[in-house]
Every structure is written in structure tokens, then in C-alpha cells.
Amino acid sequence: MRQRRYTSDLTDEQWAILGPLLPWPVWLDGGGGRPEEYCRRQVIDAIFYVDDNGCKWRNLPADFPPWRTVHAAFTRWWVSGDVLAVHNDLRDLVRAAEGRDPDPTAAIIDSQSVRAAETVGAGSRGFDAGKKINGRTRHVVVDTTGLLLVVAVTAASVQDRDGARLVLQRIRQLFHTIALVWADGAYAGKLVVWAKQALRITIEIVKRGDDTSGFVVLPRRWVVERSLSWLSGSRRLARDYERLPVHHEALVHWSMILLMTRRLARAPRHRATVNSPVAC
């Protein structure tokens, strides 16, 4: 095991929570396949390092496994759905630790445009005329505590209402219990009618008052704004460097995984109940 050096490295408490949620390697039980050369904890620490510190994959510090090995695991786990499954399991644990039902009944939607680097191809980037940003937009839906439910990354030229259709359809597929979604004025209009008729979701628009000026904390909307600031705290997400939009979505989930493991590790009650086996 490598020595813990960076703030993004997992602590023993975090690994005790995250490790049991990872898929069990079949080769450990004699099921065939090539044994993994590097401990999963080291690979995950490397992914967190890239996500949290914003370095290039090729510039991973030498105490991590080779960058090709790390990037291959990053891609393989996302394509197989393992990252999404781990993220959703952690979200259920956090909600349960806070005394909430794992299945939310309400959510908040918003979008955030980020500038794209030269590594982002012209076919998956666009210009957000409102924010004067050339890049991509991440459309997110969070629960009432700010935890991520769904994210979709599109070109910045895609309108908020069009991006909302995509994430709301995913929400209906994953969460049959959600009946209410709060949004800002950019989502008003035909989207509200479509969501009610096609998805049986009520969109409630939270608007600023006409007589307000400057920064104002708006009910419900502040929750998703805080979640977007959490994502921007990961330097790899402060700007878009990913050639594929799905890799940006994967890094959003890894950022939330790191946040949720930290939150659970600080809860003594949950820490004392973690006794599941962990595959290194």
C-alpha cells in the first residue's frame, strides 16, 4: 500500500465504506480472468487525484499506478455501470443516515455552463449566448439535500429546456416516486406542460421578485446552486477537458462519491456498522 499523501486520498474510514460497494473480483473466487495487478484503492485514489486536483492523466504522480491502467479502469467502470451503482448506493446511505427515505419525492433542476479546453472537439461543444461561454453545459437534478440524482452533459448551445427533457426522462426511469421538481424561470413554458402530461412530474417555477436586486437566496433553488459549487470545487470540473461528454458525467459522479464518503466517514454511528469484506 502506498502512503497517504494527498488530500484527495481515501482515509481508512472512507475505504471501509466505499470498498464493500465495489463489484467483487471473480478471479478471487477462482472464476477465471486475469488478476488485477494494482490494488483498487490505489486506482481509485488516482482517479480522485485527477478529479480533485485537475491534472492530466499522463501527469499522475509516480506513486500512483501507471496512468494508462488508471484511465482504463476509469473507462471500464463507467461503461459497466459500476460507478453509477456505487454512487447511488452511497446516496442511499447518506439519505438513510439523515433519517430520509432512500427514494426522494422531490428534486431541484438547474444547469451550469463551463468553458471547454482545446481537447474538446467541435462536435460536442457550443456557445452559450446568455453566459458568453464556449464549451459544454451540465444539466443536473439533485434531491432536497443537494445530492446528485441525474446529470447530463451537452454542448453549451443546447437550451436549458431541451437539456431538461433529457434529465427529466432519466429521472422518471430511475425514480418513480418523484412528483415535484423546482426550477428557475428558464424552464417555464411548454416544458412545464410536457412534464406534467408525459412524465406526471409537476415543475414549480421559483422566480426572483421584480423588486429585488443583487444576490438573493431563493427558496429551494439555493440547494442546487450549492451542489453546482461543490462540483466546481473539483478542479477537473471547473473547466471541461474531456473529449467525450460521458467522461465528464463520470467525473461528476466521482466528485460526488468523494464528497459522500467523506460525509459518511464523519458519522460515528455509520462508521461503527461497517464490517463488510473489502477486495483490495
C-alpha atoms as a PDB file:
ATOM      1  CA  MET A   1       0.000   0.000   0.000  1.00  0.00           C
ATOM      2  CA  ARG A   2       1.214   3.475  -0.878  1.00  0.00           C
ATOM      3  CA  GLN A   3       1.437   6.078   1.843  1.00  0.00           C
ATOM      4  CA  ARG A   4      -1.444   8.542   2.039  1.00  0.00           C
ATOM      5  CA  ARG A   5      -0.049  11.870   0.825  1.00  0.00           C
ATOM      6  CA  TYR A   6      -2.777  13.948  -0.816  1.00  0.00           C
ATOM      7  CA  THR A   7      -5.983  15.469   0.484  1.00  0.00           C
ATOM      8  CA  SER A   8      -7.945  13.540  -2.136  1.00  0.00           C
ATOM      9  CA  ASP A   9      -6.631  10.152  -0.898  1.00  0.00           C
ATOM     10  CA  LEU A  10      -9.144   7.949   0.879  1.00  0.00           C
ATOM     11  CA  THR A  11      -8.821   7.553   4.604  1.00  0.00           C
ATOM     12  CA  ASP A  12      -9.236   4.098   6.164  1.00  0.00           C
ATOM     13  CA  GLU A  13     -12.745   5.100   7.282  1.00  0.00           C
ATOM     14  CA  GLN A  14     -13.702   6.170   3.765  1.00  0.00           C
ATOM     15  CA  TRP A  15     -12.290   2.982   2.233  1.00  0.00           C
ATOM     16  CA  ALA A  16     -14.220   0.868   4.753  1.00  0.00           C
ATOM     17  CA  ILE A  17     -17.389   2.473   3.375  1.00  0.00           C
ATOM     18  CA  LEU A  18     -16.521   2.527  -0.321  1.00  0.00           C
ATOM     19  CA  GLY A  19     -14.665  -0.785  -0.676  1.00  0.00           C
ATOM     20  CA  PRO A  20     -17.589  -3.130   0.061  1.00  0.00           C
ATOM     21  CA  LEU A  21     -19.733  -1.357  -2.555  1.00  0.00           C
ATOM     22  CA  LEU A  22     -17.334  -2.194  -5.397  1.00  0.00           C
ATOM     23  CA  PRO A  23     -18.066  -5.310  -7.507  1.00  0.00           C
ATOM     24  CA  TRP A  24     -16.301  -8.381  -6.139  1.00  0.00           C
ATOM     25  CA  PRO A  25     -13.471  -9.614  -8.445  1.00  0.00           C
ATOM     26  CA  VAL A  26     -14.447 -13.033  -9.775  1.00  0.00           C
ATOM     27  CA  TRP A  27     -10.819 -14.144 -10.024  1.00  0.00           C
ATOM     28  CA  LEU A  28     -10.557 -14.084  -6.222  1.00  0.00           C
ATOM     29  CA  ASP A  29     -13.099 -16.906  -6.109  1.00  0.00           C
ATOM     30  CA  GLY A  30     -11.453 -18.909  -8.881  1.00  0.00           C
ATOM     31  CA  GLY A  31     -13.865 -17.677 -11.528  1.00  0.00           C
ATOM     32  CA  GLY A  32     -11.149 -17.082 -14.092  1.00  0.00           C
ATOM     33  CA  GLY A  33      -9.901 -13.888 -15.591  1.00  0.00           C
ATOM     34  CA  ARG A  34      -6.650 -12.019 -15.205  1.00  0.00           C
ATOM     35  CA  PRO A  35      -5.814 -10.980 -11.607  1.00  0.00           C
ATOM     36  CA  GLU A  36      -5.753  -7.259 -11.005  1.00  0.00           C
ATOM     37  CA  GLU A  37      -2.171  -6.021 -10.815  1.00  0.00           C
ATOM     38  CA  TYR A  38      -2.829  -2.992  -8.607  1.00  0.00           C
ATOM     39  CA  CYS A  39      -4.926  -2.536  -5.501  1.00  0.00           C
ATOM     40  CA  ARG A  40      -8.264  -0.921  -6.272  1.00  0.00           C
ATOM     41  CA  ARG A  41      -7.776   1.601  -3.513  1.00  0.00           C
ATOM     42  CA  GLN A  42      -4.660   2.920  -5.275  1.00  0.00           C
ATOM     43  CA  VAL A  43      -6.504   3.155  -8.588  1.00  0.00           C
ATOM     44  CA  ILE A  44      -9.433   4.995  -7.000  1.00  0.00           C
ATOM     45  CA  ASP A  45      -7.058   7.366  -5.197  1.00  0.00           C
ATOM     46  CA  ALA A  46      -5.525   8.167  -8.586  1.00  0.00           C
ATOM     47  CA  ILE A  47      -8.945   8.896 -10.103  1.00  0.00           C
ATOM     48  CA  PHE A  48      -9.791  11.145  -7.162  1.00  0.00           C
ATOM     49  CA  TYR A  49      -6.446  12.923  -7.594  1.00  0.00           C
ATOM     50  CA  VAL A  50      -7.206  13.758 -11.234  1.00  0.00           C
ATOM     51  CA  ASP A  51     -10.766  14.825 -10.428  1.00  0.00           C
ATOM     52  CA  ASP A  52      -9.983  16.890  -7.344  1.00  0.00           C
ATOM     53  CA  ASN A  53      -6.665  18.437  -8.424  1.00  0.00           C
ATOM     54  CA  GLY A  54      -7.281  18.771 -12.149  1.00  0.00           C
ATOM     55  CA  CYS A  55      -4.062  17.336 -13.537  1.00  0.00           C
ATOM     56  CA  LYS A  56      -3.658  15.499 -16.836  1.00  0.00           C
ATOM     57  CA  TRP A  57      -3.945  11.720 -16.786  1.00  0.00           C
ATOM     58  CA  ARG A  58      -0.378  11.475 -18.114  1.00  0.00           C
ATOM     59  CA  ASN A  59       0.875  13.658 -15.256  1.00  0.00           C
ATOM     60  CA  LEU A  60      -0.228  11.434 -12.390  1.00  0.00           C
ATOM     61  CA  PRO A  61       2.416  11.379  -9.634  1.00  0.00           C
ATOM     62  CA  ALA A  62       4.776   8.424  -9.750  1.00  0.00           C
ATOM     63  CA  ASP A  63       3.450   6.873  -6.530  1.00  0.00           C
ATOM     64  CA  PHE A  64       0.178   6.013  -8.298  1.00  0.00           C
ATOM     65  CA  PRO A  65      -0.279   3.102 -10.714  1.00  0.00           C
ATOM     66  CA  PRO A  66       0.551   3.844 -14.389  1.00  0.00           C
ATOM     67  CA  TRP A  67      -1.843   6.380 -15.903  1.00  0.00           C
ATOM     68  CA  ARG A  68      -2.939   4.003 -18.667  1.00  0.00           C
ATOM     69  CA  THR A  69      -4.009   1.469 -16.040  1.00  0.00           C
ATOM     70  CA  VAL A  70      -5.903   4.128 -14.097  1.00  0.00           C
ATOM     71  CA  HIS A  71      -7.630   5.558 -17.177  1.00  0.00           C
ATOM     72  CA  ALA A  72      -8.563   2.074 -18.399  1.00  0.00           C
ATOM     73  CA  ALA A  73     -10.209   1.319 -15.038  1.00  0.00           C
ATOM     74  CA  PHE A  74     -11.927   4.722 -15.070  1.00  0.00           C
ATOM     75  CA  THR A  75     -13.425   3.973 -18.502  1.00  0.00           C
ATOM     76  CA  ARG A  76     -14.264   0.325 -17.793  1.00  0.00           C
ATOM     77  CA  TRP A  77     -16.057   1.012 -14.517  1.00  0.00           C
ATOM     78  CA  TRP A  78     -18.147   3.770 -16.089  1.00  0.00           C
ATOM     79  CA  VAL A  79     -19.149   1.749 -19.160  1.00  0.00           C
ATOM     80  CA  SER A  80     -20.075  -1.258 -16.992  1.00  0.00           C
ATOM     81  CA  GLY A  81     -22.283   0.897 -14.761  1.00  0.00           C
ATOM     82  CA  ASP A  82     -20.259   0.155 -11.620  1.00  0.00           C
ATOM     83  CA  VAL A  83     -19.557   3.839 -10.892  1.00  0.00           C
ATOM     84  CA  LEU A  84     -23.228   4.746 -11.168  1.00  0.00           C
ATOM     85  CA  ALA A  85     -24.204   1.830  -8.918  1.00  0.00           C
ATOM     86  CA  VAL A  86     -21.644   2.801  -6.250  1.00  0.00           C
ATOM     87  CA  HIS A  87     -22.745   6.441  -6.422  1.00  0.00           C
ATOM     88  CA  ASN A  88     -26.400   5.529  -5.987  1.00  0.00           C
ATOM     89  CA  ASP A  89     -25.650   3.175  -3.091  1.00  0.00           C
ATOM     90  CA  LEU A  90     -23.698   5.918  -1.316  1.00  0.00           C
ATOM     91  CA  ARG A  91     -26.500   8.404  -1.860  1.00  0.00           C
ATOM     92  CA  ASP A  92     -28.964   5.958  -0.287  1.00  0.00           C
ATOM     93  CA  LEU A  93     -26.628   5.548   2.694  1.00  0.00           C
ATOM     94  CA  VAL A  94     -26.306   9.312   3.165  1.00  0.00           C
ATOM     95  CA  ARG A  95     -30.060   9.824   2.958  1.00  0.00           C
ATOM     96  CA  ALA A  96     -30.650   6.974   5.399  1.00  0.00           C
ATOM     97  CA  ALA A  97     -28.051   8.420   7.803  1.00  0.00           C
ATOM     98  CA  GLU A  98     -30.012  11.683   7.746  1.00  0.00           C
ATOM     99  CA  GLY A  99     -33.264   9.887   8.520  1.00  0.00           C
ATOM    100  CA  ARG A 100     -34.657  10.169   4.979  1.00  0.00           C
ATOM    101  CA  ASP A 101     -36.219   7.617   2.673  1.00  0.00           C
ATOM    102  CA  PRO A 102     -33.732   6.404   0.032  1.00  0.00           C
ATOM    103  CA  ASP A 103     -36.223   7.258  -2.722  1.00  0.00           C
ATOM    104  CA  PRO A 104     -36.763  11.033  -2.987  1.00  0.00           C
ATOM    105  CA  THR A 105     -40.163  12.521  -3.767  1.00  0.00           C
ATOM    106  CA  ALA A 106     -38.969  16.000  -4.835  1.00  0.00           C
ATOM    107  CA  ALA A 107     -35.958  17.418  -6.643  1.00  0.00           C
ATOM    108  CA  ILE A 108     -34.402  20.619  -7.992  1.00  0.00           C
ATOM    109  CA  ILE A 109     -33.087  21.147 -11.522  1.00  0.00           C
ATOM    110  CA  ASP A 110     -30.551  23.608 -12.906  1.00  0.00           C
ATOM    111  CA  SER A 111     -27.704  23.865 -15.408  1.00  0.00           C
ATOM    112  CA  GLN A 112     -24.136  25.153 -15.415  1.00  0.00           C
ATOM    113  CA  SER A 113     -22.059  26.076 -18.464  1.00  0.00           C
ATOM    114  CA  VAL A 114     -18.278  25.626 -18.321  1.00  0.00           C
ATOM    115  CA  ARG A 115     -15.598  26.662 -20.782  1.00  0.00           C
ATOM    116  CA  ALA A 116     -14.113  23.908 -22.883  1.00  0.00           C
ATOM    117  CA  ALA A 117     -10.388  23.340 -23.423  1.00  0.00           C
ATOM    118  CA  GLU A 118      -8.842  22.661 -26.809  1.00  0.00           C
ATOM    119  CA  THR A 119      -9.162  18.928 -26.151  1.00  0.00           C
ATOM    120  CA  VAL A 120     -12.966  19.175 -26.544  1.00  0.00           C
ATOM    121  CA  GLY A 121     -13.976  18.515 -30.142  1.00  0.00           C
ATOM    122  CA  ALA A 122     -16.130  20.909 -32.142  1.00  0.00           C
ATOM    123  CA  GLY A 123     -18.868  18.321 -32.483  1.00  0.00           C
ATOM    124  CA  SER A 124     -19.636  18.236 -28.741  1.00  0.00           C
ATOM    125  CA  ARG A 125     -19.171  21.887 -27.799  1.00  0.00           C
ATOM    126  CA  GLY A 126     -21.232  25.009 -28.430  1.00  0.00           C
ATOM    127  CA  PHE A 127     -21.720  28.646 -27.494  1.00  0.00           C
ATOM    128  CA  ASP A 128     -23.959  29.741 -24.641  1.00  0.00           C
ATOM    129  CA  ALA A 129     -25.125  33.143 -25.839  1.00  0.00           C
ATOM    130  CA  GLY A 130     -26.590  34.095 -22.469  1.00  0.00           C
ATOM    131  CA  LYS A 131     -23.441  33.448 -20.451  1.00  0.00           C
ATOM    132  CA  LYS A 132     -20.983  34.080 -23.299  1.00  0.00           C
ATOM    133  CA  ILE A 133     -19.302  30.703 -22.769  1.00  0.00           C
ATOM    134  CA  ASN A 134     -17.920  28.423 -25.462  1.00  0.00           C
ATOM    135  CA  GLY A 135     -17.992  24.906 -24.077  1.00  0.00           C
ATOM    136  CA  ARG A 136     -20.427  22.453 -22.561  1.00  0.00           C
ATOM    137  CA  THR A 137     -23.340  22.548 -20.146  1.00  0.00           C
ATOM    138  CA  ARG A 138     -24.035  20.066 -17.372  1.00  0.00           C
ATOM    139  CA  HIS A 139     -27.729  19.690 -16.587  1.00  0.00           C
ATOM    140  CA  VAL A 140     -28.191  18.369 -13.056  1.00  0.00           C
ATOM    141  CA  VAL A 141     -31.072  17.237 -10.897  1.00  0.00           C
ATOM    142  CA  VAL A 142     -30.462  16.971  -7.146  1.00  0.00           C
ATOM    143  CA  ASP A 143     -32.559  15.919  -4.178  1.00  0.00           C
ATOM    144  CA  THR A 144     -33.637  18.328  -1.453  1.00  0.00           C
ATOM    145  CA  THR A 145     -30.314  17.827   0.381  1.00  0.00           C
ATOM    146  CA  GLY A 146     -28.227  18.644  -2.703  1.00  0.00           C
ATOM    147  CA  LEU A 147     -27.131  15.089  -3.558  1.00  0.00           C
ATOM    148  CA  LEU A 148     -26.902  14.280  -7.257  1.00  0.00           C
ATOM    149  CA  LEU A 149     -29.711  12.278  -8.832  1.00  0.00           C
ATOM    150  CA  VAL A 150     -29.055  12.687 -12.565  1.00  0.00           C
ATOM    151  CA  VAL A 151     -26.586  14.593 -14.739  1.00  0.00           C
ATOM    152  CA  ALA A 152     -26.369  15.038 -18.499  1.00  0.00           C
ATOM    153  CA  VAL A 153     -23.595  16.896 -20.340  1.00  0.00           C
ATOM    154  CA  THR A 154     -24.418  18.614 -23.632  1.00  0.00           C
ATOM    155  CA  ALA A 155     -22.993  21.331 -25.829  1.00  0.00           C
ATOM    156  CA  ALA A 156     -23.434  24.773 -24.274  1.00  0.00           C
ATOM    157  CA  SER A 157     -25.629  25.769 -27.219  1.00  0.00           C
ATOM    158  CA  VAL A 158     -28.363  23.364 -26.054  1.00  0.00           C
ATOM    159  CA  GLN A 159     -31.192  25.288 -24.394  1.00  0.00           C
ATOM    160  CA  ASP A 160     -32.000  24.604 -20.743  1.00  0.00           C
ATOM    161  CA  ARG A 161     -35.487  23.352 -21.657  1.00  0.00           C
ATOM    162  CA  ASP A 162     -34.054  20.816 -24.133  1.00  0.00           C
ATOM    163  CA  GLY A 163     -31.477  19.590 -21.643  1.00  0.00           C
ATOM    164  CA  ALA A 164     -34.205  19.384 -19.009  1.00  0.00           C
ATOM    165  CA  ARG A 165     -36.222  16.997 -21.162  1.00  0.00           C
ATOM    166  CA  LEU A 166     -33.264  14.611 -21.216  1.00  0.00           C
ATOM    167  CA  VAL A 167     -32.604  14.602 -17.466  1.00  0.00           C
ATOM    168  CA  LEU A 168     -36.298  14.529 -16.541  1.00  0.00           C
ATOM    169  CA  GLN A 169     -36.798  11.436 -18.685  1.00  0.00           C
ATOM    170  CA  ARG A 170     -33.889   9.792 -16.842  1.00  0.00           C
ATOM    171  CA  ILE A 171     -35.420  10.855 -13.532  1.00  0.00           C
ATOM    172  CA  ARG A 172     -38.716   9.198 -14.381  1.00  0.00           C
ATOM    173  CA  GLN A 173     -36.919   5.968 -15.364  1.00  0.00           C
ATOM    174  CA  LEU A 174     -34.876   5.838 -12.159  1.00  0.00           C
ATOM    175  CA  PHE A 175     -37.201   7.366  -9.560  1.00  0.00           C
ATOM    176  CA  HIS A 176     -40.907   6.604  -9.797  1.00  0.00           C
ATOM    177  CA  THR A 177     -41.506   8.425  -6.520  1.00  0.00           C
ATOM    178  CA  ILE A 178     -40.522  11.931  -7.691  1.00  0.00           C
ATOM    179  CA  ALA A 179     -43.608  14.061  -8.336  1.00  0.00           C
ATOM    180  CA  LEU A 180     -42.321  17.618  -7.844  1.00  0.00           C
ATOM    181  CA  VAL A 181     -39.326  19.451  -9.319  1.00  0.00           C
ATOM    182  CA  TRP A 182     -38.371  23.047  -8.521  1.00  0.00           C
ATOM    183  CA  ALA A 183     -36.752  25.144 -11.248  1.00  0.00           C
ATOM    184  CA  ASP A 184     -35.954  28.716 -12.229  1.00  0.00           C
ATOM    185  CA  GLY A 185     -37.674  30.851 -14.834  1.00  0.00           C
ATOM    186  CA  ALA A 186     -35.604  29.431 -17.710  1.00  0.00           C
ATOM    187  CA  TYR A 187     -37.678  26.235 -17.516  1.00  0.00           C
ATOM    188  CA  ALA A 188     -41.093  27.912 -17.687  1.00  0.00           C
ATOM    189  CA  GLY A 189     -43.443  27.444 -20.616  1.00  0.00           C
ATOM    190  CA  LYS A 190     -44.043  24.320 -22.698  1.00  0.00           C
ATOM    191  CA  LEU A 191     -41.663  22.225 -20.590  1.00  0.00           C
ATOM    192  CA  VAL A 192     -43.985  22.506 -17.594  1.00  0.00           C
ATOM    193  CA  VAL A 193     -46.940  21.213 -19.623  1.00  0.00           C
ATOM    194  CA  TRP A 194     -44.902  18.438 -21.240  1.00  0.00           C
ATOM    195  CA  ALA A 195     -43.505  17.203 -17.918  1.00  0.00           C
ATOM    196  CA  LYS A 196     -46.980  17.077 -16.399  1.00  0.00           C
ATOM    197  CA  GLN A 197     -48.565  15.232 -19.310  1.00  0.00           C
ATOM    198  CA  ALA A 198     -45.734  12.928 -20.385  1.00  0.00           C
ATOM    199  CA  LEU A 199     -43.932  12.221 -17.102  1.00  0.00           C
ATOM    200  CA  ARG A 200     -46.504  13.093 -14.410  1.00  0.00           C
ATOM    201  CA  ILE A 201     -43.989  15.484 -12.849  1.00  0.00           C
ATOM    202  CA  THR A 202     -45.026  18.907 -11.592  1.00  0.00           C
ATOM    203  CA  ILE A 203     -42.465  21.631 -12.275  1.00  0.00           C
ATOM    204  CA  GLU A 204     -42.782  24.552  -9.870  1.00  0.00           C
ATOM    205  CA  ILE A 205     -41.043  27.727 -11.033  1.00  0.00           C
ATOM    206  CA  VAL A 206     -39.269  29.713  -8.312  1.00  0.00           C
ATOM    207  CA  LYS A 207     -38.788  33.273  -9.554  1.00  0.00           C
ATOM    208  CA  ARG A 208     -36.998  36.308  -8.217  1.00  0.00           C
ATOM    209  CA  GLY A 209     -39.194  39.162  -7.140  1.00  0.00           C
ATOM    210  CA  ASP A 210     -39.410  42.132  -9.518  1.00  0.00           C
ATOM    211  CA  ASP A 211     -38.333  44.485  -6.748  1.00  0.00           C
ATOM    212  CA  THR A 212     -35.207  42.529  -5.717  1.00  0.00           C
ATOM    213  CA  SER A 213     -31.652  43.449  -6.703  1.00  0.00           C
ATOM    214  CA  GLY A 214     -28.258  41.879  -6.131  1.00  0.00           C
ATOM    215  CA  PHE A 215     -27.708  38.443  -4.616  1.00  0.00           C
ATOM    216  CA  VAL A 216     -30.808  36.888  -3.075  1.00  0.00           C
ATOM    217  CA  VAL A 217     -31.143  33.392  -1.617  1.00  0.00           C
ATOM    218  CA  LEU A 218     -34.200  31.896  -3.297  1.00  0.00           C
ATOM    219  CA  PRO A 219     -36.213  29.081  -1.698  1.00  0.00           C
ATOM    220  CA  ARG A 220     -35.238  25.598  -2.919  1.00  0.00           C
ATOM    221  CA  ARG A 221     -33.074  26.926  -5.754  1.00  0.00           C
ATOM    222  CA  TRP A 222     -30.182  27.603  -3.382  1.00  0.00           C
ATOM    223  CA  VAL A 223     -29.831  23.845  -2.844  1.00  0.00           C
ATOM    224  CA  VAL A 224     -28.915  23.075  -6.456  1.00  0.00           C
ATOM    225  CA  GLU A 225     -26.718  26.180  -6.651  1.00  0.00           C
ATOM    226  CA  ARG A 226     -24.746  24.820  -3.694  1.00  0.00           C
ATOM    227  CA  SER A 227     -24.415  21.450  -5.443  1.00  0.00           C
ATOM    228  CA  LEU A 228     -23.027  23.146  -8.551  1.00  0.00           C
ATOM    229  CA  SER A 229     -20.484  24.951  -6.372  1.00  0.00           C
ATOM    230  CA  TRP A 230     -19.472  21.584  -4.883  1.00  0.00           C
ATOM    231  CA  LEU A 231     -18.758  20.316  -8.400  1.00  0.00           C
ATOM    232  CA  SER A 232     -16.790  23.433  -9.314  1.00  0.00           C
ATOM    233  CA  GLY A 233     -14.603  22.768  -6.270  1.00  0.00           C
ATOM    234  CA  SER A 234     -13.195  19.789  -8.181  1.00  0.00           C
ATOM    235  CA  ARG A 235     -10.638  21.431 -10.428  1.00  0.00           C
ATOM    236  CA  ARG A 236     -11.099  18.948 -13.245  1.00  0.00           C
ATOM    237  CA  LEU A 237     -14.742  20.112 -13.415  1.00  0.00           C
ATOM    238  CA  ALA A 238     -14.043  23.853 -13.213  1.00  0.00           C
ATOM    239  CA  ARG A 239     -13.313  23.600 -16.937  1.00  0.00           C
ATOM    240  CA  ASP A 240     -14.152  20.860 -19.421  1.00  0.00           C
ATOM    241  CA  TYR A 241     -11.140  18.896 -20.675  1.00  0.00           C
ATOM    242  CA  GLU A 242     -12.890  15.650 -21.644  1.00  0.00           C
ATOM    243  CA  ARG A 243     -13.048  14.511 -25.246  1.00  0.00           C
ATOM    244  CA  LEU A 244     -16.245  12.593 -24.518  1.00  0.00           C
ATOM    245  CA  PRO A 245     -19.237  14.108 -22.679  1.00  0.00           C
ATOM    246  CA  VAL A 246     -19.811  10.789 -20.885  1.00  0.00           C
ATOM    247  CA  HIS A 247     -16.369  11.065 -19.295  1.00  0.00           C
ATOM    248  CA  HIS A 248     -17.377  14.464 -17.914  1.00  0.00           C
ATOM    249  CA  GLU A 249     -20.505  12.829 -16.472  1.00  0.00           C
ATOM    250  CA  ALA A 250     -18.313  10.125 -14.930  1.00  0.00           C
ATOM    251  CA  LEU A 251     -16.083  12.707 -13.244  1.00  0.00           C
ATOM    252  CA  VAL A 252     -19.176  14.457 -11.849  1.00  0.00           C
ATOM    253  CA  HIS A 253     -20.174  11.177 -10.203  1.00  0.00           C
ATOM    254  CA  TRP A 254     -16.640  10.573  -8.875  1.00  0.00           C
ATOM    255  CA  SER A 255     -16.666  14.064  -7.358  1.00  0.00           C
ATOM    256  CA  MET A 256     -19.916  13.302  -5.555  1.00  0.00           C
ATOM    257  CA  ILE A 257     -18.610   9.882  -4.463  1.00  0.00           C
ATOM    258  CA  LEU A 258     -15.659  11.567  -2.773  1.00  0.00           C
ATOM    259  CA  LEU A 259     -17.963  14.067  -1.089  1.00  0.00           C
ATOM    260  CA  MET A 260     -20.362  11.397   0.178  1.00  0.00           C
ATOM    261  CA  THR A 261     -17.645   9.073   1.514  1.00  0.00           C
ATOM    262  CA  ARG A 262     -16.215  11.992   3.479  1.00  0.00           C
ATOM    263  CA  ARG A 263     -19.628  12.783   4.882  1.00  0.00           C
ATOM    264  CA  LEU A 264     -20.306   9.178   5.893  1.00  0.00           C
ATOM    265  CA  ALA A 265     -16.828   8.762   7.389  1.00  0.00           C
ATOM    266  CA  ARG A 266     -17.559  11.630   9.764  1.00  0.00           C
ATOM    267  CA  ALA A 267     -20.649   9.866  11.102  1.00  0.00           C
ATOM    268  CA  PRO A 268     -19.557   7.650  14.068  1.00  0.00           C
ATOM    269  CA  ARG A 269     -22.813   5.704  14.033  1.00  0.00           C
ATOM    270  CA  HIS A 270     -22.334   4.608  10.434  1.00  0.00           C
ATOM    271  CA  ARG A 271     -18.599   4.019  10.829  1.00  0.00           C
ATOM    272  CA  ALA A 272     -19.205   1.513  13.605  1.00  0.00           C
ATOM    273  CA  THR A 273     -21.515  -0.607  11.416  1.00  0.00           C
ATOM    274  CA  VAL A 274     -19.108  -1.158   8.516  1.00  0.00           C
ATOM    275  CA  ASN A 275     -17.847  -4.741   8.721  1.00  0.00           C
ATOM    276  CA  SER A 276     -18.228  -5.967   5.141  1.00  0.00           C
ATOM    277  CA  PRO A 277     -15.242  -7.583   3.379  1.00  0.00           C
ATOM    278  CA  VAL A 278     -13.197  -5.398   1.075  1.00  0.00           C
ATOM    279  CA  ALA A 279     -11.384  -6.516  -2.065  1.00  0.00           C
ATOM    280  CA  CYS A 280      -8.133  -4.620  -2.449  1.00  0.00           C
END
